[in-house]
Amino acid sequence: MNIKPLFDRVIIKPEQDQTLSKSGIILPETSQDRPQIGVVVAVGDGTTFEGEQTDMKVKVGDKVVFNKYIGNEIKIDNETHVILRQIDIIGVVND
């Protein structure tokens, strides 16, 4: 599926947490926290704010940290993605 977010929205593919605890116990999906780090897979064109165009600060391929409980989870090709506004991205991870 090909999807392009509108305005200042971003689609992120979250990194998957480990399913094993440090002691080797398999954790069920319901007990795992939602990831806060992911890779940007699509960005909108930006938006206007007080009559001025606001450009997107992130681009496809950027690894970002985002707020844990913000955004909407969707399934694209049976993989979980998060759609959120650019303002909900906390920072870009530099490797």
PDB file of N, CA and C in Angstrom:
ATOM      1  N   MET A   1       0.843  -1.167   0.000  1.00  0.00           N
ATOM      2  CA  MET A   1       0.000   0.000   0.000  1.00  0.00           C
ATOM      3  C   MET A   1       0.896   1.240   0.000  1.00  0.00           C
ATOM      4  N   ASN A   2       0.536   2.218  -0.785  1.00  0.00           N
ATOM      5  CA  ASN A   2       1.279   3.471  -0.846  1.00  0.00           C
ATOM      6  C   ASN A   2       0.419   4.557  -0.226  1.00  0.00           C
ATOM      7  N   ILE A   3       0.910   5.228   0.808  1.00  0.00           N
ATOM      8  CA  ILE A   3       0.140   6.256   1.499  1.00  0.00           C
ATOM      9  C   ILE A   3       1.023   7.475   1.719  1.00  0.00           C
ATOM     10  N   LYS A   4       0.468   8.652   1.469  1.00  0.00           N
ATOM     11  CA  LYS A   4       1.197   9.906   1.688  1.00  0.00           C
ATOM     12  C   LYS A   4       0.434  10.708   2.728  1.00  0.00           C
ATOM     13  N   PRO A   5       1.094  11.067   3.826  1.00  0.00           N
ATOM     14  CA  PRO A   5       0.425  11.858   4.848  1.00  0.00           C
ATOM     15  C   PRO A   5       0.184  13.294   4.364  1.00  0.00           C
ATOM     16  N   LEU A   6      -0.842  13.923   4.901  1.00  0.00           N
ATOM     17  CA  LEU A   6      -1.172  15.287   4.528  1.00  0.00           C
ATOM     18  C   LEU A   6      -0.589  16.286   5.512  1.00  0.00           C
ATOM     19  N   PHE A   7      -0.369  17.496   5.021  1.00  0.00           N
ATOM     20  CA  PHE A   7       0.073  18.636   5.817  1.00  0.00           C
ATOM     21  C   PHE A   7       1.357  18.321   6.588  1.00  0.00           C
ATOM     22  N   ASP A   8       1.339  18.456   7.924  1.00  0.00           N
ATOM     23  CA  ASP A   8       2.559  18.278   8.722  1.00  0.00           C
ATOM     24  C   ASP A   8       2.599  16.918   9.411  1.00  0.00           C
ATOM     25  N   ARG A   9       1.952  15.930   8.815  1.00  0.00           N
ATOM     26  CA  ARG A   9       1.940  14.598   9.407  1.00  0.00           C
ATOM     27  C   ARG A   9       3.090  13.751   8.869  1.00  0.00           C
ATOM     28  N   VAL A  10       3.488  12.778   9.691  1.00  0.00           N
ATOM     29  CA  VAL A  10       4.616  11.906   9.390  1.00  0.00           C
ATOM     30  C   VAL A  10       4.185  10.471   9.659  1.00  0.00           C
ATOM     31  N   ILE A  11       4.627   9.529   8.832  1.00  0.00           N
ATOM     32  CA  ILE A  11       4.396   8.104   9.093  1.00  0.00           C
ATOM     33  C   ILE A  11       5.713   7.499   9.538  1.00  0.00           C
ATOM     34  N   ILE A  12       5.659   6.819  10.694  1.00  0.00           N
ATOM     35  CA  ILE A  12       6.858   6.232  11.300  1.00  0.00           C
ATOM     36  C   ILE A  12       6.660   4.737  11.457  1.00  0.00           C
ATOM     37  N   LYS A  13       7.695   3.969  11.133  1.00  0.00           N
ATOM     38  CA  LYS A  13       7.698   2.533  11.418  1.00  0.00           C
ATOM     39  C   LYS A  13       8.479   2.346  12.712  1.00  0.00           C
ATOM     40  N   PRO A  14       7.776   2.029  13.820  1.00  0.00           N
ATOM     41  CA  PRO A  14       8.468   1.889  15.107  1.00  0.00           C
ATOM     42  C   PRO A  14       9.414   0.704  15.115  1.00  0.00           C
ATOM     43  N   GLU A  15      10.515   0.865  15.870  1.00  0.00           N
ATOM     44  CA  GLU A  15      11.413  -0.262  16.082  1.00  0.00           C
ATOM     45  C   GLU A  15      10.733  -1.238  17.015  1.00  0.00           C
ATOM     46  N   GLN A  16      10.895  -2.487  16.768  1.00  0.00           N
ATOM     47  CA  GLN A  16      10.278  -3.504  17.606  1.00  0.00           C
ATOM     48  C   GLN A  16      11.138  -3.764  18.830  1.00  0.00           C
ATOM     49  N   ASP A  17      10.499  -3.781  19.996  1.00  0.00           N
ATOM     50  CA  ASP A  17      11.203  -4.116  21.230  1.00  0.00           C
ATOM     51  C   ASP A  17      11.494  -5.608  21.255  1.00  0.00           C
ATOM     52  N   GLN A  18      12.455  -5.984  22.080  1.00  0.00           N
ATOM     53  CA  GLN A  18      12.757  -7.398  22.236  1.00  0.00           C
ATOM     54  C   GLN A  18      11.577  -8.086  22.915  1.00  0.00           C
ATOM     55  N   THR A  19      11.321  -9.318  22.540  1.00  0.00           N
ATOM     56  CA  THR A  19      10.237 -10.064  23.145  1.00  0.00           C
ATOM     57  C   THR A  19      10.714 -10.915  24.308  1.00  0.00           C
ATOM     58  N   LEU A  20      12.004 -10.831  24.637  1.00  0.00           N
ATOM     59  CA  LEU A  20      12.550 -11.570  25.767  1.00  0.00           C
ATOM     60  C   LEU A  20      12.970 -10.597  26.854  1.00  0.00           C
ATOM     61  N   SER A  21      12.710 -10.974  28.100  1.00  0.00           N
ATOM     62  CA  SER A  21      13.214 -10.178  29.214  1.00  0.00           C
ATOM     63  C   SER A  21      14.694 -10.485  29.393  1.00  0.00           C
ATOM     64  N   LYS A  22      15.359  -9.744  30.271  1.00  0.00           N
ATOM     65  CA  LYS A  22      16.781  -9.971  30.505  1.00  0.00           C
ATOM     66  C   LYS A  22      17.053 -11.369  31.042  1.00  0.00           C
ATOM     67  N   SER A  23      16.074 -11.941  31.747  1.00  0.00           N
ATOM     68  CA  SER A  23      16.260 -13.283  32.297  1.00  0.00           C
ATOM     69  C   SER A  23      15.849 -14.380  31.325  1.00  0.00           C
ATOM     70  N   GLY A  24      15.392 -13.991  30.106  1.00  0.00           N
ATOM     71  CA  GLY A  24      15.058 -14.987  29.096  1.00  0.00           C
ATOM     72  C   GLY A  24      13.592 -15.356  29.031  1.00  0.00           C
ATOM     73  N   ILE A  25      12.746 -14.671  29.769  1.00  0.00           N
ATOM     74  CA  ILE A  25      11.306 -14.956  29.742  1.00  0.00           C
ATOM     75  C   ILE A  25      10.694 -14.276  28.525  1.00  0.00           C
ATOM     76  N   ILE A  26       9.856 -15.006  27.791  1.00  0.00           N
ATOM     77  CA  ILE A  26       9.184 -14.447  26.625  1.00  0.00           C
ATOM     78  C   ILE A  26       8.047 -13.548  27.101  1.00  0.00           C
ATOM     79  N   LEU A  27       8.062 -12.301  26.648  1.00  0.00           N
ATOM     80  CA  LEU A  27       7.052 -11.336  27.046  1.00  0.00           C
ATOM     81  C   LEU A  27       5.906 -11.333  26.043  1.00  0.00           C
ATOM     82  N   PRO A  28       4.667 -11.422  26.518  1.00  0.00           N
ATOM     83  CA  PRO A  28       3.539 -11.326  25.588  1.00  0.00           C
ATOM     84  C   PRO A  28       3.434  -9.907  25.048  1.00  0.00           C
ATOM     85  N   GLU A  29       2.849  -9.769  23.871  1.00  0.00           N
ATOM     86  CA  GLU A  29       2.740  -8.467  23.223  1.00  0.00           C
ATOM     87  C   GLU A  29       1.998  -7.453  24.089  1.00  0.00           C
ATOM     88  N   THR A  30       1.027  -7.907  24.871  1.00  0.00           N
ATOM     89  CA  THR A  30       0.241  -6.999  25.700  1.00  0.00           C
ATOM     90  C   THR A  30       1.037  -6.391  26.835  1.00  0.00           C
ATOM     91  N   SER A  31       2.130  -7.013  27.248  1.00  0.00           N
ATOM     92  CA  SER A  31       2.926  -6.477  28.353  1.00  0.00           C
ATOM     93  C   SER A  31       4.062  -5.581  27.875  1.00  0.00           C
ATOM     94  N   GLN A  32       4.250  -5.488  26.577  1.00  0.00           N
ATOM     95  CA  GLN A  32       5.334  -4.673  26.043  1.00  0.00           C
ATOM     96  C   GLN A  32       4.871  -3.230  25.882  1.00  0.00           C
ATOM     97  N   ASP A  33       5.775  -2.300  26.147  1.00  0.00           N
ATOM     98  CA  ASP A  33       5.484  -0.895  25.948  1.00  0.00           C
ATOM     99  C   ASP A  33       5.543  -0.558  24.464  1.00  0.00           C
ATOM    100  N   ARG A  34       4.825   0.489  24.102  1.00  0.00           N
ATOM    101  CA  ARG A  34       4.860   0.968  22.734  1.00  0.00           C
ATOM    102  C   ARG A  34       6.238   1.596  22.483  1.00  0.00           C
ATOM    103  N   PRO A  35       6.878   1.267  21.364  1.00  0.00           N
ATOM    104  CA  PRO A  35       8.204   1.829  21.072  1.00  0.00           C
ATOM    105  C   PRO A  35       8.141   3.346  20.936  1.00  0.00           C
ATOM    106  N   GLN A  36       9.258   3.998  21.226  1.00  0.00           N
ATOM    107  CA  GLN A  36       9.353   5.444  21.108  1.00  0.00           C
ATOM    108  C   GLN A  36      10.359   5.869  20.049  1.00  0.00           C
ATOM    109  N   ILE A  37      10.996   4.913  19.416  1.00  0.00           N
ATOM    110  CA  ILE A  37      11.979   5.201  18.377  1.00  0.00           C
ATOM    111  C   ILE A  37      11.537   4.489  17.103  1.00  0.00           C
ATOM    112  N   GLY A  38      11.679   5.170  15.980  1.00  0.00           N
ATOM    113  CA  GLY A  38      11.298   4.563  14.720  1.00  0.00           C
ATOM    114  C   GLY A  38      11.929   5.286  13.550  1.00  0.00           C
ATOM    115  N   VAL A  39      11.636   4.786  12.359  1.00  0.00           N
ATOM    116  CA  VAL A  39      12.181   5.344  11.127  1.00  0.00           C
ATOM    117  C   VAL A  39      11.045   5.990  10.341  1.00  0.00           C
ATOM    118  N   VAL A  40      11.289   7.192   9.854  1.00  0.00           N
ATOM    119  CA  VAL A  40      10.307   7.921   9.051  1.00  0.00           C
ATOM    120  C   VAL A  40      10.203   7.247   7.686  1.00  0.00           C
ATOM    121  N   VAL A  41       8.977   6.871   7.296  1.00  0.00           N
ATOM    122  CA  VAL A  41       8.778   6.230   5.996  1.00  0.00           C
ATOM    123  C   VAL A  41       8.049   7.136   5.010  1.00  0.00           C
ATOM    124  N   ALA A  42       7.376   8.189   5.505  1.00  0.00           N
ATOM    125  CA  ALA A  42       6.698   9.143   4.617  1.00  0.00           C
ATOM    126  C   ALA A  42       6.465  10.440   5.365  1.00  0.00           C
ATOM    127  N   VAL A  43       6.523  11.551   4.648  1.00  0.00           N
ATOM    128  CA  VAL A  43       6.267  12.871   5.245  1.00  0.00           C
ATOM    129  C   VAL A  43       5.308  13.653   4.362  1.00  0.00           C
ATOM    130  N   GLY A  44       4.536  14.527   5.003  1.00  0.00           N
ATOM    131  CA  GLY A  44       3.647  15.418   4.271  1.00  0.00           C
ATOM    132  C   GLY A  44       4.428  16.588   3.690  1.00  0.00           C
ATOM    133  N   ASP A  45       3.698  17.525   3.081  1.00  0.00           N
ATOM    134  CA  ASP A  45       4.327  18.667   2.426  1.00  0.00           C
ATOM    135  C   ASP A  45       4.534  19.861   3.354  1.00  0.00           C
ATOM    136  N   GLY A  46       4.092  19.770   4.605  1.00  0.00           N
ATOM    137  CA  GLY A  46       4.175  20.894   5.519  1.00  0.00           C
ATOM    138  C   GLY A  46       2.829  21.591   5.590  1.00  0.00           C
ATOM    139  N   THR A  47       2.774  22.688   6.313  1.00  0.00           N
ATOM    140  CA  THR A  47       1.521  23.402   6.482  1.00  0.00           C
ATOM    141  C   THR A  47       1.798  24.893   6.561  1.00  0.00           C
ATOM    142  N   THR A  48       0.755  25.683   6.565  1.00  0.00           N
ATOM    143  CA  THR A  48       0.924  27.114   6.741  1.00  0.00           C
ATOM    144  C   THR A  48       0.553  27.486   8.169  1.00  0.00           C
ATOM    145  N   PHE A  49       1.354  28.364   8.762  1.00  0.00           N
ATOM    146  CA  PHE A  49       1.115  28.840  10.118  1.00  0.00           C
ATOM    147  C   PHE A  49       1.237  30.350  10.102  1.00  0.00           C
ATOM    148  N   GLU A  50       0.157  31.010  10.446  1.00  0.00           N
ATOM    149  CA  GLU A  50       0.094  32.474  10.431  1.00  0.00           C
ATOM    150  C   GLU A  50       0.528  33.034   9.084  1.00  0.00           C
ATOM    151  N   GLY A  51       0.060  32.392   8.027  1.00  0.00           N
ATOM    152  CA  GLY A  51       0.326  32.861   6.673  1.00  0.00           C
ATOM    153  C   GLY A  51       1.665  32.476   6.086  1.00  0.00           C
ATOM    154  N   GLU A  52       2.502  31.771   6.836  1.00  0.00           N
ATOM    155  CA  GLU A  52       3.810  31.366   6.329  1.00  0.00           C
ATOM    156  C   GLU A  52       3.885  29.847   6.215  1.00  0.00           C
ATOM    157  N   GLN A  53       4.544  29.391   5.163  1.00  0.00           N
ATOM    158  CA  GLN A  53       4.728  27.958   4.944  1.00  0.00           C
ATOM    159  C   GLN A  53       5.711  27.392   5.963  1.00  0.00           C
ATOM    160  N   THR A  54       5.318  26.323   6.650  1.00  0.00           N
ATOM    161  CA  THR A  54       6.195  25.632   7.584  1.00  0.00           C
ATOM    162  C   THR A  54       6.726  24.379   6.899  1.00  0.00           C
ATOM    163  N   ASP A  55       8.027  24.303   6.715  1.00  0.00           N
ATOM    164  CA  ASP A  55       8.642  23.161   6.045  1.00  0.00           C
ATOM    165  C   ASP A  55       8.808  22.010   7.023  1.00  0.00           C
ATOM    166  N   MET A  56       8.931  20.824   6.476  1.00  0.00           N
ATOM    167  CA  MET A  56       9.146  19.633   7.285  1.00  0.00           C
ATOM    168  C   MET A  56      10.624  19.566   7.680  1.00  0.00           C
ATOM    169  N   LYS A  57      10.884  19.288   8.953  1.00  0.00           N
ATOM    170  CA  LYS A  57      12.251  19.210   9.476  1.00  0.00           C
ATOM    171  C   LYS A  57      12.815  17.797   9.399  1.00  0.00           C
ATOM    172  N   VAL A  58      11.943  16.797   9.205  1.00  0.00           N
ATOM    173  CA  VAL A  58      12.403  15.411   9.083  1.00  0.00           C
ATOM    174  C   VAL A  58      12.182  14.947   7.656  1.00  0.00           C
ATOM    175  N   LYS A  59      12.935  13.921   7.284  1.00  0.00           N
ATOM    176  CA  LYS A  59      12.806  13.374   5.936  1.00  0.00           C
ATOM    177  C   LYS A  59      12.746  11.849   6.015  1.00  0.00           C
ATOM    178  N   VAL A  60      12.357  11.241   4.935  1.00  0.00           N
ATOM    179  CA  VAL A  60      12.277   9.785   4.861  1.00  0.00           C
ATOM    180  C   VAL A  60      13.648   9.193   5.175  1.00  0.00           C
ATOM    181  N   GLY A  61      13.666   8.202   6.050  1.00  0.00           N
ATOM    182  CA  GLY A  61      14.906   7.545   6.433  1.00  0.00           C
ATOM    183  C   GLY A  61      15.465   8.020   7.760  1.00  0.00           C
ATOM    184  N   ASP A  62      14.994   9.173   8.265  1.00  0.00           N
ATOM    185  CA  ASP A  62      15.463   9.662   9.561  1.00  0.00           C
ATOM    186  C   ASP A  62      14.994   8.736  10.678  1.00  0.00           C
ATOM    187  N   LYS A  63      15.878   8.482  11.637  1.00  0.00           N
ATOM    188  CA  LYS A  63      15.529   7.728  12.839  1.00  0.00           C
ATOM    189  C   LYS A  63      15.140   8.759  13.895  1.00  0.00           C
ATOM    190  N   VAL A  64      13.921   8.664  14.426  1.00  0.00           N
ATOM    191  CA  VAL A  64      13.399   9.697  15.312  1.00  0.00           C
ATOM    192  C   VAL A  64      12.901   9.122  16.638  1.00  0.00           C
ATOM    193  N   VAL A  65      12.846  10.000  17.624  1.00  0.00           N
ATOM    194  CA  VAL A  65      12.241   9.696  18.919  1.00  0.00           C
ATOM    195  C   VAL A  65      10.943  10.476  18.964  1.00  0.00           C
ATOM    196  N   PHE A  66       9.850   9.802  19.363  1.00  0.00           N
ATOM    197  CA  PHE A  66       8.557  10.473  19.388  1.00  0.00           C
ATOM    198  C   PHE A  66       7.832  10.191  20.698  1.00  0.00           C
ATOM    199  N   ASN A  67       6.840  11.028  20.990  1.00  0.00           N
ATOM    200  CA  ASN A  67       6.050  10.850  22.202  1.00  0.00           C
ATOM    201  C   ASN A  67       5.370   9.489  22.194  1.00  0.00           C
ATOM    202  N   LYS A  68       5.362   8.842  23.339  1.00  0.00           N
ATOM    203  CA  LYS A  68       4.935   7.453  23.460  1.00  0.00           C
ATOM    204  C   LYS A  68       3.454   7.215  23.127  1.00  0.00           C
ATOM    205  N   TYR A  69       2.576   8.071  23.598  1.00  0.00           N
ATOM    206  CA  TYR A  69       1.150   7.801  23.433  1.00  0.00           C
ATOM    207  C   TYR A  69       0.459   8.770  22.493  1.00  0.00           C
ATOM    208  N   ILE A  70       1.202   9.395  21.600  1.00  0.00           N
ATOM    209  CA  ILE A  70       0.650  10.329  20.631  1.00  0.00           C
ATOM    210  C   ILE A  70       0.594   9.629  19.277  1.00  0.00           C
ATOM    211  N   GLY A  71      -0.384   9.989  18.476  1.00  0.00           N
ATOM    212  CA  GLY A  71      -0.481   9.457  17.122  1.00  0.00           C
ATOM    213  C   GLY A  71      -1.461   8.309  17.018  1.00  0.00           C
ATOM    214  N   ASN A  72      -1.659   7.873  15.802  1.00  0.00           N
ATOM    215  CA  ASN A  72      -2.587   6.785  15.496  1.00  0.00           C
ATOM    216  C   ASN A  72      -1.829   5.624  14.883  1.00  0.00           C
ATOM    217  N   GLU A  73      -2.045   4.439  15.429  1.00  0.00           N
ATOM    218  CA  GLU A  73      -1.426   3.242  14.860  1.00  0.00           C
ATOM    219  C   GLU A  73      -2.268   2.751  13.695  1.00  0.00           C
ATOM    220  N   ILE A  74      -1.592   2.386  12.613  1.00  0.00           N
ATOM    221  CA  ILE A  74      -2.260   1.800  11.460  1.00  0.00           C
ATOM    222  C   ILE A  74      -1.441   0.611  10.981  1.00  0.00           C
ATOM    223  N   LYS A  75      -2.065  -0.257  10.219  1.00  0.00           N
ATOM    224  CA  LYS A  75      -1.366  -1.396   9.612  1.00  0.00           C
ATOM    225  C   LYS A  75      -1.173  -1.100   8.129  1.00  0.00           C
ATOM    226  N   ILE A  76       0.071  -1.191   7.679  1.00  0.00           N
ATOM    227  CA  ILE A  76       0.401  -1.068   6.261  1.00  0.00           C
ATOM    228  C   ILE A  76       1.166  -2.321   5.886  1.00  0.00           C
ATOM    229  N   ASP A  77       0.621  -3.089   4.968  1.00  0.00           N
ATOM    230  CA  ASP A  77       1.225  -4.355   4.550  1.00  0.00           C
ATOM    231  C   ASP A  77       1.517  -5.247   5.759  1.00  0.00           C
ATOM    232  N   ASN A  78       0.563  -5.347   6.682  1.00  0.00           N
ATOM    233  CA  ASN A  78       0.633  -6.175   7.894  1.00  0.00           C
ATOM    234  C   ASN A  78       1.747  -5.761   8.851  1.00  0.00           C
ATOM    235  N   GLU A  79       2.206  -4.521   8.772  1.00  0.00           N
ATOM    236  CA  GLU A  79       3.187  -3.997   9.710  1.00  0.00           C
ATOM    237  C   GLU A  79       2.607  -2.761  10.382  1.00  0.00           C
ATOM    238  N   THR A  80       2.875  -2.608  11.671  1.00  0.00           N
ATOM    239  CA  THR A  80       2.356  -1.482  12.424  1.00  0.00           C
ATOM    240  C   THR A  80       3.165  -0.224  12.131  1.00  0.00           C
ATOM    241  N   HIS A  81       2.462   0.865  11.876  1.00  0.00           N
ATOM    242  CA  HIS A  81       3.058   2.179  11.672  1.00  0.00           C
ATOM    243  C   HIS A  81       2.306   3.180  12.535  1.00  0.00           C
ATOM    244  N   VAL A  82       2.913   4.327  12.766  1.00  0.00           N
ATOM    245  CA  VAL A  82       2.285   5.385  13.550  1.00  0.00           C
ATOM    246  C   VAL A  82       2.229   6.640  12.691  1.00  0.00           C
ATOM    247  N   ILE A  83       1.044   7.268  12.639  1.00  0.00           N
ATOM    248  CA  ILE A  83       0.898   8.558  11.982  1.00  0.00           C
ATOM    249  C   ILE A  83       0.791   9.612  13.068  1.00  0.00           C
ATOM    250  N   LEU A  84       1.634  10.627  12.993  1.00  0.00           N
ATOM    251  CA  LEU A  84       1.578  11.705  13.974  1.00  0.00           C
ATOM    252  C   LEU A  84       2.016  13.009  13.340  1.00  0.00           C
ATOM    253  N   ARG A  85       1.790  14.087  14.055  1.00  0.00           N
ATOM    254  CA  ARG A  85       2.215  15.407  13.574  1.00  0.00           C
ATOM    255  C   ARG A  85       3.703  15.595  13.838  1.00  0.00           C
ATOM    256  N   GLN A  86       4.339  16.392  13.005  1.00  0.00           N
ATOM    257  CA  GLN A  86       5.766  16.644  13.154  1.00  0.00           C
ATOM    258  C   GLN A  86       6.095  17.199  14.547  1.00  0.00           C
ATOM    259  N   ILE A  87       5.211  17.979  15.129  1.00  0.00           N
ATOM    260  CA  ILE A  87       5.466  18.584  16.434  1.00  0.00           C
ATOM    261  C   ILE A  87       5.583  17.521  17.538  1.00  0.00           C
ATOM    262  N   ASP A  88       5.045  16.328  17.321  1.00  0.00           N
ATOM    263  CA  ASP A  88       5.104  15.255  18.310  1.00  0.00           C
ATOM    264  C   ASP A  88       6.410  14.474  18.237  1.00  0.00           C
ATOM    265  N   ILE A  89       7.280  14.812  17.294  1.00  0.00           N
ATOM    266  CA  ILE A  89       8.607  14.202  17.225  1.00  0.00           C
ATOM    267  C   ILE A  89       9.528  14.986  18.150  1.00  0.00           C
ATOM    268  N   ILE A  90      10.178  14.263  19.052  1.00  0.00           N
ATOM    269  CA  ILE A  90      11.033  14.903  20.060  1.00  0.00           C
ATOM    270  C   ILE A  90      12.409  15.230  19.491  1.00  0.00           C
ATOM    271  N   GLY A  91      12.949  14.348  18.667  1.00  0.00           N
ATOM    272  CA  GLY A  91      14.270  14.590  18.115  1.00  0.00           C
ATOM    273  C   GLY A  91      14.653  13.579  17.060  1.00  0.00           C
ATOM    274  N   VAL A  92      15.753  13.856  16.378  1.00  0.00           N
ATOM    275  CA  VAL A  92      16.304  12.968  15.362  1.00  0.00           C
ATOM    276  C   VAL A  92      17.547  12.319  15.945  1.00  0.00           C
ATOM    277  N   VAL A  93      17.646  10.987  15.802  1.00  0.00           N
ATOM    278  CA  VAL A  93      18.782  10.231  16.329  1.00  0.00           C
ATOM    279  C   VAL A  93      19.899  10.245  15.299  1.00  0.00           C
ATOM    280  N   ASN A  94      21.070  10.691  15.715  1.00  0.00           N
ATOM    281  CA  ASN A  94      22.254  10.674  14.853  1.00  0.00           C
ATOM    282  C   ASN A  94      23.115   9.485  15.229  1.00  0.00           C
ATOM    283  N   ASP A  95      23.268   8.536  14.325  1.00  0.00           N
ATOM    284  CA  ASP A  95      24.097   7.345  14.617  1.00  0.00           C
ATOM    285  C   ASP A  95      25.549   7.631  14.424  1.00  0.00           C
TER     286      ASP A  95
END
